[in-house]
N, C-alpha and C. Protein backbone atom coordinates (compact mmCIF):
# COMPACT_ATOMS: atom_id res chain seq x y z
N MET A 1 67.94 127.48 74.80
CA MET A 1 67.27 126.70 75.83
C MET A 1 67.89 127.08 77.19
N ASN A 2 67.03 127.36 78.14
CA ASN A 2 67.46 127.72 79.47
C ASN A 2 67.17 126.55 80.44
N ILE A 3 68.22 125.86 80.84
CA ILE A 3 68.04 124.64 81.69
C ILE A 3 67.58 125.00 83.08
N HIS A 4 68.02 126.16 83.61
CA HIS A 4 67.54 126.57 84.96
C HIS A 4 66.05 126.84 84.91
N GLN A 5 65.57 127.45 83.83
CA GLN A 5 64.12 127.72 83.74
C GLN A 5 63.35 126.40 83.62
N LEU A 6 63.94 125.43 82.89
CA LEU A 6 63.29 124.12 82.73
C LEU A 6 63.15 123.42 84.07
N HIS A 7 64.22 123.54 84.91
CA HIS A 7 64.14 122.96 86.28
C HIS A 7 62.96 123.51 87.05
N LYS A 8 62.69 124.80 86.87
CA LYS A 8 61.57 125.45 87.59
C LYS A 8 60.22 125.01 87.04
N GLU A 9 60.16 124.75 85.74
CA GLU A 9 58.89 124.39 85.10
C GLU A 9 58.45 122.95 85.26
N VAL A 10 59.42 122.11 85.49
CA VAL A 10 59.16 120.66 85.59
C VAL A 10 58.56 120.33 86.94
N LYS A 11 57.61 119.41 86.92
CA LYS A 11 56.97 118.95 88.17
C LYS A 11 57.25 117.46 88.34
N TYR A 12 57.74 117.10 89.48
CA TYR A 12 58.06 115.68 89.80
C TYR A 12 56.99 115.07 90.70
N THR A 13 56.73 113.81 90.45
CA THR A 13 55.81 113.05 91.31
C THR A 13 56.46 111.67 91.57
N ALA A 14 56.52 111.29 92.83
CA ALA A 14 57.05 109.97 93.20
C ALA A 14 55.93 109.01 93.41
N VAL A 15 56.02 107.85 92.78
CA VAL A 15 54.99 106.83 92.90
C VAL A 15 55.66 105.49 93.18
N ALA A 16 54.91 104.50 93.56
CA ALA A 16 55.45 103.17 93.84
C ALA A 16 55.91 102.55 92.53
N SER A 17 57.08 101.94 92.53
CA SER A 17 57.66 101.37 91.38
C SER A 17 57.06 99.98 91.16
N SER A 18 56.94 99.62 89.88
CA SER A 18 56.38 98.31 89.56
C SER A 18 57.46 97.29 89.56
N GLY A 19 57.11 96.00 89.46
CA GLY A 19 58.06 94.94 89.38
C GLY A 19 58.49 94.38 90.72
N PRO A 20 59.48 93.47 90.71
CA PRO A 20 59.92 92.80 91.93
C PRO A 20 60.66 93.75 92.89
N GLY A 21 60.76 93.35 94.08
CA GLY A 21 61.48 94.19 95.04
C GLY A 21 61.00 93.93 96.47
N GLY A 22 59.97 93.15 96.62
CA GLY A 22 59.53 92.74 97.93
C GLY A 22 59.05 93.87 98.78
N GLN A 23 59.37 93.85 100.07
CA GLN A 23 58.89 94.80 101.05
C GLN A 23 59.39 96.20 100.70
N HIS A 24 60.60 96.31 100.20
CA HIS A 24 61.20 97.64 99.90
C HIS A 24 60.33 98.34 98.82
N ALA A 25 59.98 97.59 97.78
CA ALA A 25 59.20 98.16 96.67
C ALA A 25 57.79 98.51 97.14
N ASN A 26 57.30 97.80 98.10
CA ASN A 26 55.93 98.05 98.60
C ASN A 26 55.85 99.28 99.49
N LYS A 27 56.95 99.61 100.20
CA LYS A 27 56.92 100.73 101.15
C LYS A 27 57.40 102.04 100.57
N VAL A 28 58.30 102.01 99.58
CA VAL A 28 58.97 103.19 99.16
C VAL A 28 58.54 103.59 97.75
N ALA A 29 58.28 104.88 97.55
CA ALA A 29 57.90 105.39 96.23
C ALA A 29 59.17 105.85 95.54
N THR A 30 59.76 104.97 94.71
CA THR A 30 61.01 105.33 94.05
C THR A 30 60.87 105.70 92.58
N LYS A 31 59.76 105.34 91.96
CA LYS A 31 59.56 105.72 90.55
C LYS A 31 59.24 107.22 90.51
N VAL A 32 59.90 107.92 89.59
CA VAL A 32 59.74 109.36 89.51
C VAL A 32 59.06 109.67 88.17
N MET A 33 57.95 110.41 88.23
CA MET A 33 57.23 110.87 87.03
C MET A 33 57.56 112.35 86.85
N LEU A 34 57.95 112.69 85.65
CA LEU A 34 58.23 114.08 85.28
C LEU A 34 57.09 114.60 84.42
N GLU A 35 56.55 115.77 84.74
CA GLU A 35 55.51 116.37 83.90
C GLU A 35 55.95 117.78 83.56
N TRP A 36 55.76 118.15 82.30
CA TRP A 36 56.14 119.46 81.78
C TRP A 36 55.07 119.97 80.86
N LYS A 37 54.56 121.14 81.17
CA LYS A 37 53.48 121.76 80.36
C LYS A 37 54.19 122.56 79.26
N VAL A 38 54.03 122.13 78.03
CA VAL A 38 54.76 122.71 76.89
C VAL A 38 54.25 124.16 76.63
N GLU A 39 52.97 124.34 76.65
CA GLU A 39 52.41 125.66 76.31
C GLU A 39 52.81 126.74 77.28
N GLU A 40 53.03 126.38 78.54
CA GLU A 40 53.35 127.38 79.59
C GLU A 40 54.85 127.61 79.76
N SER A 41 55.66 126.97 78.91
CA SER A 41 57.10 127.05 79.10
C SER A 41 57.63 128.42 78.63
N LEU A 42 58.56 128.96 79.44
CA LEU A 42 59.17 130.26 79.10
C LEU A 42 60.65 130.07 78.75
N ALA A 43 61.12 128.81 78.62
CA ALA A 43 62.58 128.54 78.47
C ALA A 43 62.98 128.58 77.01
N PHE A 44 62.05 128.74 76.09
CA PHE A 44 62.39 128.67 74.67
C PHE A 44 61.89 129.88 73.95
N ALA A 45 62.54 130.14 72.80
CA ALA A 45 62.08 131.14 71.85
C ALA A 45 60.84 130.63 71.12
N GLU A 46 60.13 131.52 70.47
CA GLU A 46 58.87 131.09 69.83
C GLU A 46 59.08 130.07 68.75
N ALA A 47 60.15 130.18 67.95
CA ALA A 47 60.42 129.19 66.90
C ALA A 47 60.72 127.84 67.50
N GLU A 48 61.49 127.80 68.58
CA GLU A 48 61.85 126.55 69.25
C GLU A 48 60.56 125.94 69.88
N HIS A 49 59.75 126.78 70.43
CA HIS A 49 58.51 126.33 71.05
C HIS A 49 57.59 125.63 70.04
N GLN A 50 57.47 126.25 68.89
CA GLN A 50 56.62 125.65 67.80
C GLN A 50 57.23 124.33 67.33
N ARG A 51 58.55 124.28 67.21
CA ARG A 51 59.21 123.05 66.78
C ARG A 51 58.97 121.92 67.78
N ILE A 52 59.08 122.26 69.08
CA ILE A 52 58.83 121.23 70.12
C ILE A 52 57.39 120.70 70.04
N LEU A 53 56.43 121.63 69.90
CA LEU A 53 55.03 121.19 69.80
C LEU A 53 54.82 120.29 68.58
N TYR A 54 55.42 120.66 67.45
CA TYR A 54 55.27 119.87 66.22
C TYR A 54 55.88 118.46 66.35
N LYS A 55 57.10 118.45 66.88
CA LYS A 55 57.83 117.16 66.95
C LYS A 55 57.32 116.24 68.01
N LEU A 56 56.82 116.76 69.14
CA LEU A 56 56.35 115.94 70.25
C LEU A 56 54.85 115.82 70.36
N HIS A 57 54.14 116.17 69.29
CA HIS A 57 52.66 116.15 69.39
C HIS A 57 52.11 114.76 69.73
N ASN A 58 52.77 113.69 69.32
CA ASN A 58 52.31 112.33 69.61
C ASN A 58 52.70 111.87 71.04
N ARG A 59 53.53 112.61 71.72
CA ARG A 59 53.94 112.21 73.09
C ARG A 59 53.27 113.05 74.16
N LEU A 60 52.45 114.02 73.75
CA LEU A 60 51.81 114.93 74.67
C LEU A 60 50.44 114.41 75.02
N THR A 61 49.96 114.71 76.24
CA THR A 61 48.61 114.36 76.64
C THR A 61 47.66 115.37 75.96
N LYS A 62 46.36 115.18 76.13
CA LYS A 62 45.37 116.06 75.58
C LYS A 62 45.54 117.49 76.12
N ASN A 63 46.07 117.61 77.31
CA ASN A 63 46.23 118.93 77.96
C ASN A 63 47.56 119.55 77.59
N GLY A 64 48.35 118.92 76.73
CA GLY A 64 49.66 119.47 76.29
C GLY A 64 50.71 119.25 77.31
N VAL A 65 50.68 118.14 78.01
CA VAL A 65 51.70 117.86 79.05
C VAL A 65 52.59 116.69 78.59
N LEU A 66 53.89 116.87 78.68
CA LEU A 66 54.83 115.81 78.35
C LEU A 66 55.09 115.05 79.66
N GLN A 67 54.96 113.70 79.62
CA GLN A 67 55.17 112.90 80.80
C GLN A 67 56.28 111.88 80.51
N LEU A 68 57.27 111.84 81.39
CA LEU A 68 58.36 110.86 81.37
C LEU A 68 58.46 110.23 82.73
N SER A 69 58.97 109.02 82.78
CA SER A 69 59.16 108.36 84.09
C SER A 69 60.45 107.59 84.10
N SER A 70 60.94 107.33 85.29
CA SER A 70 62.15 106.53 85.49
C SER A 70 62.00 105.69 86.76
N GLN A 71 62.29 104.38 86.65
CA GLN A 71 62.26 103.51 87.80
C GLN A 71 63.48 102.55 87.75
N GLU A 72 64.57 102.98 87.15
CA GLU A 72 65.74 102.14 86.94
C GLU A 72 66.50 101.92 88.26
N SER A 73 66.49 102.91 89.12
CA SER A 73 67.28 102.80 90.35
C SER A 73 66.33 102.56 91.53
N ARG A 74 66.91 102.15 92.64
CA ARG A 74 66.15 102.00 93.88
C ARG A 74 66.11 103.28 94.68
N SER A 75 66.82 104.29 94.17
CA SER A 75 66.86 105.58 94.81
C SER A 75 65.98 106.59 94.11
N GLN A 76 65.15 107.28 94.82
CA GLN A 76 64.29 108.28 94.23
C GLN A 76 65.10 109.44 93.64
N ALA A 77 66.12 109.84 94.35
CA ALA A 77 66.99 110.96 93.88
C ALA A 77 67.69 110.63 92.57
N THR A 78 68.18 109.40 92.48
CA THR A 78 68.84 108.95 91.24
C THR A 78 67.85 108.93 90.08
N ASN A 79 66.69 108.38 90.34
CA ASN A 79 65.64 108.34 89.28
C ASN A 79 65.23 109.74 88.84
N LYS A 80 65.21 110.70 89.78
CA LYS A 80 64.91 112.10 89.46
C LYS A 80 65.97 112.66 88.50
N GLU A 81 67.24 112.42 88.79
CA GLU A 81 68.34 112.85 87.95
C GLU A 81 68.22 112.19 86.56
N LEU A 82 67.97 110.87 86.53
CA LEU A 82 67.91 110.14 85.27
C LEU A 82 66.79 110.64 84.37
N VAL A 83 65.62 110.89 84.98
CA VAL A 83 64.46 111.30 84.15
C VAL A 83 64.68 112.71 83.62
N PHE A 84 65.37 113.57 84.41
CA PHE A 84 65.62 114.96 83.90
C PHE A 84 66.67 114.94 82.79
N LYS A 85 67.69 114.05 82.93
CA LYS A 85 68.65 113.90 81.83
C LYS A 85 68.01 113.41 80.55
N ARG A 86 67.06 112.45 80.68
CA ARG A 86 66.34 111.96 79.52
C ARG A 86 65.49 113.02 78.90
N PHE A 87 64.90 113.89 79.74
CA PHE A 87 64.08 114.97 79.30
C PHE A 87 64.89 116.00 78.51
N VAL A 88 66.03 116.39 79.05
CA VAL A 88 66.92 117.33 78.32
C VAL A 88 67.42 116.74 77.02
N LYS A 89 67.77 115.44 77.03
CA LYS A 89 68.23 114.80 75.81
C LYS A 89 67.13 114.81 74.76
N LEU A 90 65.94 114.51 75.17
CA LEU A 90 64.76 114.51 74.23
C LEU A 90 64.55 115.90 73.64
N ILE A 91 64.61 116.92 74.47
CA ILE A 91 64.40 118.27 74.01
C ILE A 91 65.50 118.68 73.02
N ASN A 92 66.75 118.32 73.35
CA ASN A 92 67.88 118.64 72.46
C ASN A 92 67.72 117.96 71.10
N GLN A 93 67.27 116.71 71.08
CA GLN A 93 67.04 115.99 69.82
C GLN A 93 65.97 116.67 69.01
N VAL A 94 64.94 117.11 69.69
CA VAL A 94 63.83 117.77 68.95
C VAL A 94 64.28 119.11 68.31
N LEU A 95 65.15 119.81 69.04
CA LEU A 95 65.57 121.14 68.56
C LEU A 95 66.59 121.11 67.44
N ILE A 96 67.18 119.91 67.15
CA ILE A 96 68.17 119.81 66.05
C ILE A 96 67.41 119.95 64.72
N ILE A 97 67.91 120.86 63.92
CA ILE A 97 67.30 121.09 62.59
C ILE A 97 68.12 120.30 61.57
N PRO A 98 67.53 119.34 60.90
CA PRO A 98 68.31 118.52 59.96
C PRO A 98 68.74 119.32 58.74
N LYS A 99 69.91 118.95 58.21
CA LYS A 99 70.35 119.64 56.98
C LYS A 99 69.45 119.31 55.84
N ALA A 100 69.28 120.30 54.95
CA ALA A 100 68.46 120.10 53.77
C ALA A 100 69.24 119.17 52.81
N ARG A 101 68.53 118.23 52.22
CA ARG A 101 69.15 117.29 51.32
C ARG A 101 69.40 117.96 49.96
N LYS A 102 70.61 117.84 49.47
CA LYS A 102 70.97 118.34 48.16
C LYS A 102 70.65 117.29 47.12
N LYS A 103 69.94 117.71 46.06
CA LYS A 103 69.62 116.74 45.02
C LYS A 103 70.92 116.44 44.26
N ARG A 104 71.18 115.16 44.05
CA ARG A 104 72.37 114.72 43.38
C ARG A 104 72.09 114.70 41.88
N THR A 105 73.01 115.25 41.09
CA THR A 105 72.85 115.20 39.65
C THR A 105 73.94 114.31 39.05
N LEU A 106 73.52 113.47 38.14
CA LEU A 106 74.47 112.54 37.48
C LEU A 106 75.18 113.34 36.36
N PRO A 107 76.50 113.08 36.20
CA PRO A 107 77.19 113.71 35.06
C PRO A 107 76.64 113.13 33.73
N ARG A 108 76.66 113.95 32.69
CA ARG A 108 76.17 113.50 31.40
C ARG A 108 76.91 112.27 30.89
N SER A 109 78.21 112.25 31.16
CA SER A 109 79.01 111.10 30.65
C SER A 109 78.51 109.79 31.27
N VAL A 110 78.17 109.81 32.52
CA VAL A 110 77.69 108.58 33.19
C VAL A 110 76.38 108.17 32.58
N LYS A 111 75.52 109.12 32.37
CA LYS A 111 74.20 108.81 31.79
C LYS A 111 74.37 108.25 30.38
N ARG A 112 75.24 108.89 29.57
CA ARG A 112 75.52 108.45 28.18
C ARG A 112 76.09 107.03 28.19
N LYS A 113 77.01 106.73 29.09
CA LYS A 113 77.65 105.41 29.19
C LYS A 113 76.60 104.36 29.52
N ARG A 114 75.72 104.65 30.44
CA ARG A 114 74.68 103.69 30.84
C ARG A 114 73.75 103.44 29.66
N LEU A 115 73.35 104.44 28.95
CA LEU A 115 72.45 104.25 27.79
C LEU A 115 73.14 103.48 26.67
N ASN A 116 74.42 103.78 26.46
CA ASN A 116 75.19 103.03 25.45
C ASN A 116 75.34 101.56 25.77
N ASP A 117 75.57 101.25 27.07
CA ASP A 117 75.69 99.87 27.52
C ASP A 117 74.35 99.15 27.31
N LYS A 118 73.24 99.83 27.62
CA LYS A 118 71.91 99.23 27.43
C LYS A 118 71.70 98.93 25.94
N LYS A 119 72.11 99.89 25.11
CA LYS A 119 71.89 99.69 23.65
C LYS A 119 72.71 98.53 23.13
N LYS A 120 73.98 98.44 23.54
CA LYS A 120 74.84 97.32 23.11
C LYS A 120 74.27 95.98 23.56
N HIS A 121 73.78 95.96 24.81
CA HIS A 121 73.22 94.71 25.34
C HIS A 121 71.97 94.31 24.55
N SER A 122 71.11 95.25 24.23
CA SER A 122 69.88 94.91 23.45
C SER A 122 70.25 94.46 22.03
N GLU A 123 71.29 95.09 21.45
CA GLU A 123 71.75 94.66 20.09
C GLU A 123 72.29 93.25 20.16
N LYS A 124 73.04 92.94 21.17
CA LYS A 124 73.62 91.57 21.34
C LYS A 124 72.47 90.57 21.40
N LYS A 125 71.43 90.87 22.17
CA LYS A 125 70.27 89.97 22.28
C LYS A 125 69.56 89.88 20.95
N ALA A 126 69.43 91.01 20.25
CA ALA A 126 68.72 91.02 18.96
C ALA A 126 69.41 90.16 17.92
N HIS A 127 70.73 90.14 17.91
CA HIS A 127 71.47 89.38 16.92
C HIS A 127 71.33 87.86 17.15
N ARG A 128 70.97 87.44 18.34
CA ARG A 128 70.79 86.03 18.67
C ARG A 128 69.47 85.48 18.16
N ARG A 129 68.53 86.40 17.86
CA ARG A 129 67.21 85.93 17.43
C ARG A 129 67.26 85.26 16.10
N PHE A 130 66.40 84.29 15.90
CA PHE A 130 66.32 83.56 14.63
C PHE A 130 65.46 84.34 13.64
N ARG A 131 65.98 84.55 12.47
CA ARG A 131 65.21 85.29 11.45
C ARG A 131 64.99 84.40 10.23
N LEU A 132 63.83 84.50 9.56
CA LEU A 132 63.56 83.72 8.38
C LEU A 132 63.82 84.52 7.14
């Protein structure tokens, strides 16, 4: 992953932030929207690119654009940094390949002991039954 290339590919848009804030919130566009076109990205190898498309298919628009936003701070610059950090974190999580699960096998002795215990228990119950 090439972070410098990602910086070039990402497009930022500043919009008015929602919520309370009075006159400041009404005059200043502090909410930052990040948009990234996945198909046009040159920052990843082909395998990574396919993995990103597969993992993020539910977060992409119809045009294949990933959109993130931040309005946590009153500063546009801070929100820009925060949204890019979230973007990089998201991409890093997507690129992690989980370890393959190894099937666990029970030892024969454990299986034998369990079956013997079940057999003893059923015999104990059977001896309690009334017979004519």
